[in-house]
Amino acid sequence: MPKIIAIAALVLVLGLVNWSIMGKENHLATGQIVYLHTAPVDPRSLMQGDYMTLRFEISRDVRSALRHKYEKDLKNHEGFAVVSLDDKGIGTFARLYEEGKEELAQNEVRMRYRLRKRGVKMATNAFFFQEGHGKFYEPARYGQFRVDSEGELLLTAMFDADLTKLQAEEPSEQQRVD
């Protein structure tokens, strides 16, 4: 009997994990593309490898709007920001979203934010890459996100000031052999 329960639990867990993966894959495939301007810092972590700490300009704008709205009573908070998109898909903060009180314009999208002690977080605050590939990501100025209908964001890639995708070059066969 315990063996059957363990197998059933395993099947349930694997089913839930696969369901979550399918949801993320759908999000990546169908989410609206939005670019957010970032001010990256390139630290290194012994435990995590190479990564880039991300701070988005929009986070500063959301924090400022929250500070204005709630004055001194700024605590952990979650909500949505309305982001206005230009013709390239670059997003800028427009206003805080008021659930049920407004319609979004054609060039606007709502994005979930989370206010915590360290500031406003939009999806993620780090971009991880293979060790030794930091130089390829130094010119990063934009994070590309996929935003779903619920306002959730997934970071997909980093781009330079000209919206050229940044990625490390794969070593040639000759380089791999050496």
N, C-alpha and C. Protein backbone atom coordinates (compact mmCIF):
# COMPACT_ATOMS: atom_id res chain seq x y z
N MET A 1 0.81 -1.20 0.00
CA MET A 1 0.00 0.00 0.00
C MET A 1 0.86 1.27 0.00
N PRO A 2 1.92 1.37 0.87
CA PRO A 2 2.76 2.58 0.85
C PRO A 2 3.43 2.78 -0.50
N LYS A 3 3.73 1.66 -1.18
CA LYS A 3 4.37 1.75 -2.49
C LYS A 3 3.43 2.40 -3.50
N ILE A 4 2.15 2.06 -3.45
CA ILE A 4 1.15 2.64 -4.36
C ILE A 4 0.99 4.13 -4.08
N ILE A 5 0.97 4.50 -2.82
CA ILE A 5 0.85 5.93 -2.44
C ILE A 5 2.07 6.70 -2.94
N ALA A 6 3.26 6.13 -2.79
CA ALA A 6 4.48 6.80 -3.25
C ALA A 6 4.46 6.97 -4.76
N ILE A 7 4.04 5.96 -5.48
CA ILE A 7 3.97 6.04 -6.94
C ILE A 7 2.93 7.07 -7.37
N ALA A 8 1.78 7.07 -6.71
CA ALA A 8 0.73 8.05 -7.04
C ALA A 8 1.22 9.48 -6.76
N ALA A 9 1.92 9.67 -5.66
CA ALA A 9 2.46 10.99 -5.33
C ALA A 9 3.48 11.43 -6.36
N LEU A 10 4.33 10.50 -6.77
CA LEU A 10 5.33 10.81 -7.79
C LEU A 10 4.67 11.20 -9.11
N VAL A 11 3.67 10.46 -9.53
CA VAL A 11 2.95 10.76 -10.77
C VAL A 11 2.29 12.14 -10.66
N LEU A 12 1.69 12.44 -9.52
CA LEU A 12 1.05 13.74 -9.30
C LEU A 12 2.07 14.88 -9.38
N VAL A 13 3.20 14.72 -8.71
CA VAL A 13 4.24 15.75 -8.71
C VAL A 13 4.78 15.96 -10.13
N LEU A 14 5.07 14.87 -10.83
CA LEU A 14 5.57 14.99 -12.20
C LEU A 14 4.53 15.64 -13.12
N GLY A 15 3.28 15.32 -12.91
CA GLY A 15 2.21 15.94 -13.70
C GLY A 15 2.13 17.43 -13.45
N LEU A 16 2.24 17.85 -12.18
CA LEU A 16 2.19 19.28 -11.85
C LEU A 16 3.40 20.02 -12.41
N VAL A 17 4.58 19.42 -12.34
CA VAL A 17 5.78 20.04 -12.88
C VAL A 17 5.64 20.21 -14.40
N ASN A 18 5.18 19.18 -15.08
CA ASN A 18 4.99 19.27 -16.53
C ASN A 18 3.94 20.31 -16.89
N TRP A 19 2.88 20.40 -16.11
CA TRP A 19 1.83 21.41 -16.35
C TRP A 19 2.43 22.81 -16.23
N SER A 20 3.27 23.02 -15.22
CA SER A 20 3.94 24.31 -15.03
C SER A 20 4.86 24.63 -16.19
N ILE A 21 5.63 23.64 -16.64
CA ILE A 21 6.54 23.84 -17.77
C ILE A 21 5.75 24.20 -19.02
N MET A 22 4.65 23.51 -19.27
CA MET A 22 3.83 23.81 -20.44
C MET A 22 3.30 25.23 -20.37
N GLY A 23 2.92 25.68 -19.18
CA GLY A 23 2.42 27.04 -19.00
C GLY A 23 3.49 28.07 -19.33
N LYS A 24 4.72 27.83 -18.85
CA LYS A 24 5.84 28.75 -19.14
C LYS A 24 6.18 28.75 -20.62
N GLU A 25 6.18 27.58 -21.25
CA GLU A 25 6.46 27.49 -22.68
C GLU A 25 5.40 28.26 -23.48
N ASN A 26 4.15 28.15 -23.08
CA ASN A 26 3.07 28.89 -23.73
C ASN A 26 3.27 30.39 -23.53
N HIS A 27 3.65 30.78 -22.33
CA HIS A 27 3.93 32.18 -22.01
C HIS A 27 5.04 32.72 -22.92
N LEU A 28 6.11 31.95 -23.08
CA LEU A 28 7.22 32.36 -23.94
C LEU A 28 6.81 32.45 -25.41
N ALA A 29 5.92 31.58 -25.83
CA ALA A 29 5.50 31.53 -27.23
C ALA A 29 4.48 32.60 -27.58
N THR A 30 3.60 32.95 -26.64
CA THR A 30 2.49 33.84 -26.98
C THR A 30 2.52 35.18 -26.29
N GLY A 31 3.38 35.36 -25.29
CA GLY A 31 3.42 36.63 -24.56
C GLY A 31 3.85 37.79 -25.44
N GLN A 32 3.37 38.98 -25.11
CA GLN A 32 3.73 40.18 -25.85
C GLN A 32 5.17 40.56 -25.54
N ILE A 33 5.94 40.92 -26.57
CA ILE A 33 7.33 41.31 -26.38
C ILE A 33 7.40 42.76 -25.92
N VAL A 34 8.14 42.97 -24.82
CA VAL A 34 8.35 44.31 -24.27
C VAL A 34 9.82 44.42 -23.90
N TYR A 35 10.43 45.55 -24.23
CA TYR A 35 11.82 45.83 -23.85
C TYR A 35 11.81 46.85 -22.72
N LEU A 36 12.54 46.55 -21.64
CA LEU A 36 12.67 47.49 -20.53
C LEU A 36 14.12 47.91 -20.40
N HIS A 37 14.33 49.22 -20.28
CA HIS A 37 15.68 49.78 -20.15
C HIS A 37 16.25 49.38 -18.80
N THR A 38 17.51 48.98 -18.81
CA THR A 38 18.15 48.51 -17.60
C THR A 38 19.49 49.19 -17.38
N ALA A 39 19.92 49.19 -16.14
CA ALA A 39 21.26 49.67 -15.78
C ALA A 39 21.97 48.48 -15.15
N PRO A 40 22.60 47.62 -15.97
CA PRO A 40 23.18 46.38 -15.43
C PRO A 40 24.47 46.60 -14.66
N VAL A 41 24.72 45.69 -13.75
CA VAL A 41 25.98 45.61 -13.01
C VAL A 41 26.43 44.17 -13.20
N ASP A 42 27.70 43.93 -13.35
CA ASP A 42 28.17 42.59 -13.68
C ASP A 42 28.96 41.97 -12.53
N PRO A 43 28.29 41.46 -11.51
CA PRO A 43 29.01 40.81 -10.41
C PRO A 43 29.31 39.35 -10.69
N ARG A 44 29.92 38.73 -9.76
CA ARG A 44 30.24 37.30 -9.87
C ARG A 44 29.93 36.66 -8.52
N SER A 45 29.33 35.52 -8.55
CA SER A 45 28.99 34.79 -7.34
C SER A 45 29.69 33.45 -7.37
N LEU A 46 30.40 33.13 -6.29
CA LEU A 46 31.10 31.85 -6.22
C LEU A 46 30.12 30.68 -6.24
N MET A 47 28.96 30.87 -5.64
CA MET A 47 27.99 29.77 -5.56
C MET A 47 27.13 29.66 -6.82
N GLN A 48 26.84 30.80 -7.46
CA GLN A 48 25.91 30.78 -8.58
C GLN A 48 26.58 30.91 -9.94
N GLY A 49 27.83 31.29 -10.00
CA GLY A 49 28.50 31.49 -11.28
C GLY A 49 28.38 32.94 -11.72
N ASP A 50 28.50 33.17 -13.00
CA ASP A 50 28.43 34.53 -13.53
C ASP A 50 26.99 34.94 -13.75
N TYR A 51 26.70 36.19 -13.41
CA TYR A 51 25.39 36.74 -13.66
C TYR A 51 25.46 38.25 -13.66
N MET A 52 24.42 38.86 -14.17
CA MET A 52 24.31 40.30 -14.24
C MET A 52 23.16 40.72 -13.35
N THR A 53 23.42 41.60 -12.39
CA THR A 53 22.35 42.15 -11.58
C THR A 53 21.61 43.17 -12.43
N LEU A 54 20.30 43.11 -12.41
CA LEU A 54 19.49 44.00 -13.24
C LEU A 54 18.70 44.97 -12.38
N ARG A 55 18.74 46.20 -12.77
CA ARG A 55 17.88 47.24 -12.19
C ARG A 55 17.19 47.91 -13.37
N PHE A 56 15.88 47.94 -13.34
CA PHE A 56 15.14 48.52 -14.44
C PHE A 56 14.69 49.93 -14.09
N GLU A 57 14.80 50.83 -15.07
CA GLU A 57 14.37 52.21 -14.85
C GLU A 57 12.91 52.26 -14.41
N ILE A 58 12.09 51.40 -14.96
CA ILE A 58 10.68 51.39 -14.63
C ILE A 58 10.45 51.11 -13.14
N SER A 59 11.34 50.33 -12.52
CA SER A 59 11.22 50.02 -11.09
C SER A 59 11.33 51.30 -10.26
N ARG A 60 12.25 52.17 -10.65
CA ARG A 60 12.42 53.45 -9.96
C ARG A 60 11.15 54.29 -10.09
N ASP A 61 10.57 54.30 -11.29
CA ASP A 61 9.35 55.08 -11.54
C ASP A 61 8.17 54.54 -10.75
N VAL A 62 8.04 53.22 -10.68
CA VAL A 62 6.95 52.60 -9.91
C VAL A 62 7.12 52.94 -8.44
N ARG A 63 8.33 52.83 -7.92
CA ARG A 63 8.58 53.15 -6.51
C ARG A 63 8.23 54.61 -6.20
N SER A 64 8.59 55.50 -7.10
CA SER A 64 8.27 56.91 -6.92
C SER A 64 6.75 57.13 -6.89
N ALA A 65 6.02 56.48 -7.79
CA ALA A 65 4.56 56.60 -7.83
C ALA A 65 3.93 56.02 -6.57
N LEU A 66 4.47 54.90 -6.09
CA LEU A 66 3.96 54.29 -4.85
C LEU A 66 4.24 55.20 -3.65
N ARG A 67 5.42 55.78 -3.62
CA ARG A 67 5.78 56.70 -2.53
C ARG A 67 4.82 57.89 -2.52
N HIS A 68 4.49 58.38 -3.69
CA HIS A 68 3.56 59.51 -3.80
C HIS A 68 2.15 59.10 -3.35
N LYS A 69 1.72 57.91 -3.75
CA LYS A 69 0.37 57.44 -3.43
C LYS A 69 0.20 57.10 -1.96
N TYR A 70 1.18 56.42 -1.37
CA TYR A 70 1.05 55.94 0.00
C TYR A 70 1.86 56.76 1.00
N GLU A 71 2.53 57.79 0.53
CA GLU A 71 3.38 58.67 1.33
C GLU A 71 4.35 57.86 2.17
N LYS A 72 4.28 57.93 3.47
CA LYS A 72 5.28 57.28 4.33
C LYS A 72 4.94 55.83 4.64
N ASP A 73 3.76 55.39 4.26
CA ASP A 73 3.29 54.05 4.60
C ASP A 73 3.65 53.04 3.52
N LEU A 74 4.89 53.08 3.03
CA LEU A 74 5.33 52.22 1.94
C LEU A 74 5.85 50.89 2.50
N LYS A 75 5.06 49.84 2.33
CA LYS A 75 5.40 48.51 2.84
C LYS A 75 5.40 47.52 1.68
N ASN A 76 5.64 46.25 2.00
CA ASN A 76 5.55 45.22 0.97
C ASN A 76 4.20 45.36 0.26
N HIS A 77 4.27 45.34 -1.04
CA HIS A 77 3.07 45.60 -1.83
C HIS A 77 3.22 44.92 -3.18
N GLU A 78 2.11 44.47 -3.74
CA GLU A 78 2.10 43.91 -5.10
C GLU A 78 1.00 44.59 -5.88
N GLY A 79 1.23 44.76 -7.15
CA GLY A 79 0.23 45.39 -8.00
C GLY A 79 0.67 45.36 -9.45
N PHE A 80 0.06 46.25 -10.22
CA PHE A 80 0.36 46.34 -11.64
C PHE A 80 0.73 47.76 -12.02
N ALA A 81 1.66 47.86 -12.93
CA ALA A 81 2.03 49.14 -13.52
C ALA A 81 1.55 49.13 -14.96
N VAL A 82 1.09 50.27 -15.44
CA VAL A 82 0.75 50.40 -16.85
C VAL A 82 1.99 50.92 -17.56
N VAL A 83 2.38 50.21 -18.60
CA VAL A 83 3.58 50.55 -19.36
C VAL A 83 3.16 50.92 -20.77
N SER A 84 3.65 52.06 -21.21
CA SER A 84 3.37 52.55 -22.56
C SER A 84 4.49 52.07 -23.48
N LEU A 85 4.13 51.54 -24.65
CA LEU A 85 5.10 50.99 -25.59
C LEU A 85 5.26 51.91 -26.80
N ASP A 86 6.52 52.12 -27.19
CA ASP A 86 6.75 52.86 -28.42
C ASP A 86 6.69 51.91 -29.61
N ASP A 87 7.00 52.41 -30.80
CA ASP A 87 6.87 51.58 -31.99
C ASP A 87 7.87 50.43 -32.05
N LYS A 88 8.93 50.46 -31.24
CA LYS A 88 9.90 49.37 -31.17
C LYS A 88 9.58 48.37 -30.07
N GLY A 89 8.58 48.68 -29.24
CA GLY A 89 8.22 47.81 -28.13
C GLY A 89 8.94 48.16 -26.84
N ILE A 90 9.60 49.32 -26.81
CA ILE A 90 10.30 49.76 -25.59
C ILE A 90 9.27 50.36 -24.65
N GLY A 91 9.26 49.85 -23.43
CA GLY A 91 8.27 50.26 -22.45
C GLY A 91 8.75 51.34 -21.51
N THR A 92 7.86 52.28 -21.21
CA THR A 92 8.11 53.30 -20.19
C THR A 92 6.91 53.35 -19.26
N PHE A 93 7.17 53.68 -18.02
CA PHE A 93 6.12 53.74 -17.01
C PHE A 93 5.11 54.83 -17.36
N ALA A 94 3.83 54.47 -17.30
CA ALA A 94 2.77 55.45 -17.54
C ALA A 94 2.06 55.81 -16.23
N ARG A 95 1.68 54.77 -15.46
CA ARG A 95 0.94 55.01 -14.21
C ARG A 95 0.76 53.67 -13.50
N LEU A 96 0.29 53.75 -12.27
CA LEU A 96 -0.11 52.54 -11.54
C LEU A 96 -1.48 52.12 -12.06
N TYR A 97 -1.68 50.83 -12.18
CA TYR A 97 -2.93 50.29 -12.70
C TYR A 97 -3.95 50.17 -11.58
N GLU A 98 -5.17 50.62 -11.84
CA GLU A 98 -6.24 50.51 -10.87
C GLU A 98 -7.23 49.46 -11.37
N GLU A 99 -7.19 48.30 -10.74
CA GLU A 99 -8.01 47.14 -11.14
C GLU A 99 -9.48 47.51 -11.29
N GLY A 100 -10.04 47.21 -12.47
CA GLY A 100 -11.46 47.42 -12.71
C GLY A 100 -11.87 48.85 -12.97
N LYS A 101 -10.93 49.79 -12.93
CA LYS A 101 -11.29 51.19 -13.09
C LYS A 101 -10.84 51.80 -14.41
N GLU A 102 -10.13 51.01 -15.23
CA GLU A 102 -9.62 51.60 -16.46
C GLU A 102 -9.41 50.56 -17.54
N GLU A 103 -9.43 51.05 -18.76
CA GLU A 103 -9.12 50.26 -19.93
C GLU A 103 -7.74 50.67 -20.42
N LEU A 104 -6.99 49.73 -20.93
CA LEU A 104 -5.68 50.05 -21.46
C LEU A 104 -5.79 50.50 -22.90
N ALA A 105 -4.94 51.45 -23.28
CA ALA A 105 -4.88 51.90 -24.67
C ALA A 105 -4.20 50.83 -25.52
N GLN A 106 -4.27 50.97 -26.81
CA GLN A 106 -3.69 50.00 -27.75
C GLN A 106 -2.20 49.79 -27.51
N ASN A 107 -1.48 50.85 -27.15
CA ASN A 107 -0.03 50.77 -26.97
C ASN A 107 0.38 50.58 -25.51
N GLU A 108 -0.53 50.10 -24.67
CA GLU A 108 -0.23 49.91 -23.25
C GLU A 108 -0.36 48.45 -22.85
N VAL A 109 0.40 48.09 -21.84
CA VAL A 109 0.34 46.74 -21.27
C VAL A 109 0.50 46.88 -19.75
N ARG A 110 -0.15 46.00 -19.03
CA ARG A 110 0.03 46.03 -17.58
C ARG A 110 1.04 44.97 -17.19
N MET A 111 1.86 45.32 -16.20
CA MET A 111 2.92 44.42 -15.73
C MET A 111 2.88 44.34 -14.21
N ARG A 112 3.02 43.12 -13.73
CA ARG A 112 3.03 42.89 -12.28
C ARG A 112 4.36 43.36 -11.69
N TYR A 113 4.27 44.01 -10.53
CA TYR A 113 5.46 44.38 -9.77
C TYR A 113 5.28 43.91 -8.34
N ARG A 114 6.41 43.79 -7.65
CA ARG A 114 6.41 43.42 -6.24
C ARG A 114 7.34 44.37 -5.51
N LEU A 115 6.82 45.07 -4.52
CA LEU A 115 7.62 45.98 -3.70
C LEU A 115 8.09 45.22 -2.47
N ARG A 116 9.39 45.19 -2.28
CA ARG A 116 10.00 44.56 -1.12
C ARG A 116 11.03 45.50 -0.52
N LYS A 117 11.70 45.08 0.51
CA LYS A 117 12.69 45.93 1.19
C LYS A 117 13.74 46.48 0.23
N ARG A 118 14.17 45.67 -0.69
CA ARG A 118 15.24 46.08 -1.61
C ARG A 118 14.73 46.83 -2.83
N GLY A 119 13.47 47.15 -2.88
CA GLY A 119 12.93 47.92 -3.99
C GLY A 119 11.86 47.19 -4.77
N VAL A 120 11.53 47.76 -5.89
CA VAL A 120 10.49 47.20 -6.77
C VAL A 120 11.12 46.18 -7.69
N LYS A 121 10.52 45.03 -7.73
CA LYS A 121 11.02 43.93 -8.57
C LYS A 121 10.04 43.69 -9.71
N MET A 122 10.58 43.72 -10.92
CA MET A 122 9.81 43.41 -12.11
C MET A 122 10.35 42.07 -12.63
N ALA A 123 9.67 41.00 -12.37
CA ALA A 123 10.04 39.65 -12.83
C ALA A 123 11.30 39.12 -12.17
N THR A 124 12.45 39.69 -12.47
CA THR A 124 13.71 39.16 -11.96
C THR A 124 14.69 40.30 -11.74
N ASN A 125 15.69 40.05 -10.95
CA ASN A 125 16.73 41.06 -10.74
C ASN A 125 18.10 40.52 -11.15
N ALA A 126 18.11 39.43 -11.92
CA ALA A 126 19.39 38.85 -12.34
C ALA A 126 19.24 38.14 -13.68
N PHE A 127 20.32 38.17 -14.44
CA PHE A 127 20.40 37.44 -15.71
C PHE A 127 21.64 36.57 -15.62
N PHE A 128 21.47 35.26 -15.67
CA PHE A 128 22.57 34.32 -15.53
C PHE A 128 23.11 33.92 -16.90
N PHE A 129 24.41 33.74 -16.97
CA PHE A 129 25.04 33.31 -18.22
C PHE A 129 26.21 32.40 -17.89
N GLN A 130 26.70 31.71 -18.91
CA GLN A 130 27.79 30.77 -18.74
C GLN A 130 29.05 31.48 -18.25
N GLU A 131 29.76 30.81 -17.36
CA GLU A 131 30.98 31.38 -16.80
C GLU A 131 31.95 31.78 -17.91
N GLY A 132 32.52 32.97 -17.76
CA GLY A 132 33.48 33.48 -18.73
C GLY A 132 32.87 34.22 -19.90
N HIS A 133 31.55 34.32 -19.97
CA HIS A 133 30.88 34.98 -21.09
C HIS A 133 30.41 36.39 -20.74
N GLY A 134 30.86 36.92 -19.62
CA GLY A 134 30.42 38.24 -19.18
C GLY A 134 30.67 39.34 -20.19
N LYS A 135 31.79 39.27 -20.92
CA LYS A 135 32.12 40.34 -21.87
C LYS A 135 31.07 40.47 -22.98
N PHE A 136 30.39 39.37 -23.33
CA PHE A 136 29.37 39.42 -24.37
C PHE A 136 28.14 40.20 -23.92
N TYR A 137 27.93 40.29 -22.61
CA TYR A 137 26.73 40.94 -22.09
C TYR A 137 27.00 42.33 -21.52
N GLU A 138 28.24 42.79 -21.55
CA GLU A 138 28.57 44.12 -21.04
C GLU A 138 27.78 45.24 -21.72
N PRO A 139 27.51 45.17 -23.04
CA PRO A 139 26.76 46.26 -23.68
C PRO A 139 25.25 46.24 -23.42
N ALA A 140 24.78 45.35 -22.56
CA ALA A 140 23.33 45.21 -22.33
C ALA A 140 22.71 46.52 -21.84
N ARG A 141 21.63 46.91 -22.51
CA ARG A 141 20.88 48.11 -22.13
C ARG A 141 19.38 47.85 -22.01
N TYR A 142 18.92 46.70 -22.55
CA TYR A 142 17.51 46.37 -22.48
C TYR A 142 17.34 44.89 -22.15
N GLY A 143 16.33 44.62 -21.36
CA GLY A 143 15.90 43.25 -21.14
C GLY A 143 14.66 43.02 -21.98
N GLN A 144 14.61 41.90 -22.69
CA GLN A 144 13.43 41.56 -23.47
C GLN A 144 12.57 40.64 -22.62
N PHE A 145 11.30 41.00 -22.48
CA PHE A 145 10.36 40.22 -21.70
C PHE A 145 9.22 39.76 -22.57
N ARG A 146 8.61 38.66 -22.15
CA ARG A 146 7.33 38.23 -22.69
C ARG A 146 6.32 38.47 -21.57
N VAL A 147 5.28 39.23 -21.87
CA VAL A 147 4.25 39.57 -20.89
C VAL A 147 2.96 38.87 -21.27
N ASP A 148 2.40 38.10 -20.33
CA ASP A 148 1.15 37.39 -20.63
C ASP A 148 -0.06 38.24 -20.28
N SER A 149 -1.23 37.71 -20.50
CA SER A 149 -2.48 38.45 -20.28
C SER A 149 -2.72 38.75 -18.80
N GLU A 150 -2.02 38.06 -17.92
CA GLU A 150 -2.15 38.30 -16.47
C GLU A 150 -1.14 39.32 -15.96
N GLY A 151 -0.30 39.84 -16.85
CA GLY A 151 0.70 40.83 -16.45
C GLY A 151 1.99 40.24 -15.92
N GLU A 152 2.13 38.92 -16.03
CA GLU A 152 3.36 38.26 -15.58
C GLU A 152 4.44 38.42 -16.63
N LEU A 153 5.68 38.61 -16.19
CA LEU A 153 6.80 38.82 -17.10
C LEU A 153 7.78 37.67 -17.02
N LEU A 154 8.36 37.32 -18.17
CA LEU A 154 9.46 36.37 -18.22
C LEU A 154 10.58 37.02 -19.02
N LEU A 155 11.78 37.11 -18.43
CA LEU A 155 12.93 37.64 -19.13
C LEU A 155 13.41 36.60 -20.14
N THR A 156 13.57 37.02 -21.41
CA THR A 156 13.96 36.07 -22.44
C THR A 156 15.37 36.29 -22.96
N ALA A 157 15.83 37.54 -22.98
CA ALA A 157 17.17 37.83 -23.52
C ALA A 157 17.58 39.24 -23.16
N MET A 158 18.86 39.53 -23.39
CA MET A 158 19.39 40.87 -23.18
C MET A 158 19.75 41.46 -24.54
N PHE A 159 19.56 42.78 -24.68
CA PHE A 159 19.80 43.48 -25.94
C PHE A 159 20.64 44.72 -25.68
N ASP A 160 21.38 45.16 -26.71
CA ASP A 160 22.20 46.37 -26.58
C ASP A 160 21.35 47.61 -26.89
N ALA A 161 21.99 48.77 -26.94
CA ALA A 161 21.29 50.03 -27.16
C ALA A 161 20.58 50.09 -28.51
N ASP A 162 21.04 49.31 -29.49
CA ASP A 162 20.42 49.27 -30.82
C ASP A 162 19.40 48.14 -30.96
N LEU A 163 19.06 47.52 -29.84
CA LEU A 163 18.15 46.37 -29.80
C LEU A 163 18.66 45.18 -30.60
N THR A 164 19.98 44.98 -30.53
CA THR A 164 20.60 43.79 -31.10
C THR A 164 20.74 42.78 -29.97
N LYS A 165 20.29 41.57 -30.21
CA LYS A 165 20.34 40.53 -29.18
C LYS A 165 21.78 40.18 -28.84
N LEU A 166 22.05 40.10 -27.54
CA LEU A 166 23.38 39.74 -27.06
C LEU A 166 23.41 38.26 -26.72
N GLN A 167 24.43 37.59 -27.23
CA GLN A 167 24.61 36.19 -26.89
C GLN A 167 26.07 35.82 -27.12
N ALA A 168 26.53 34.91 -26.32
CA ALA A 168 27.92 34.46 -26.43
C ALA A 168 28.07 33.64 -27.70
N GLU A 169 29.20 33.79 -28.33
CA GLU A 169 29.49 33.02 -29.53
C GLU A 169 29.87 31.60 -29.13
N GLU A 170 29.38 30.65 -29.90
CA GLU A 170 29.75 29.26 -29.66
C GLU A 170 31.14 29.03 -30.21
N PRO A 171 32.00 28.33 -29.48
CA PRO A 171 33.34 28.07 -30.00
C PRO A 171 33.27 27.16 -31.23
N SER A 172 34.19 27.38 -32.15
CA SER A 172 34.24 26.54 -33.36
C SER A 172 34.73 25.16 -32.99
N GLU A 173 34.60 24.22 -33.91
CA GLU A 173 35.08 22.84 -33.68
C GLU A 173 36.55 22.85 -33.33
N GLN A 174 37.34 23.66 -34.04
CA GLN A 174 38.78 23.72 -33.79
C GLN A 174 39.07 24.21 -32.37
N GLN A 175 38.33 25.23 -31.91
CA GLN A 175 38.53 25.75 -30.56
C GLN A 175 38.16 24.72 -29.51
N ARG A 176 37.12 23.93 -29.78
CA ARG A 176 36.68 22.91 -28.82
C ARG A 176 37.74 21.82 -28.65
N VAL A 177 38.38 21.45 -29.74
CA VAL A 177 39.38 20.39 -29.71
C VAL A 177 40.60 20.83 -28.93
N ASP A 178 40.99 22.10 -29.11
CA ASP A 178 42.19 22.62 -28.44
C ASP A 178 41.93 22.73 -27.00
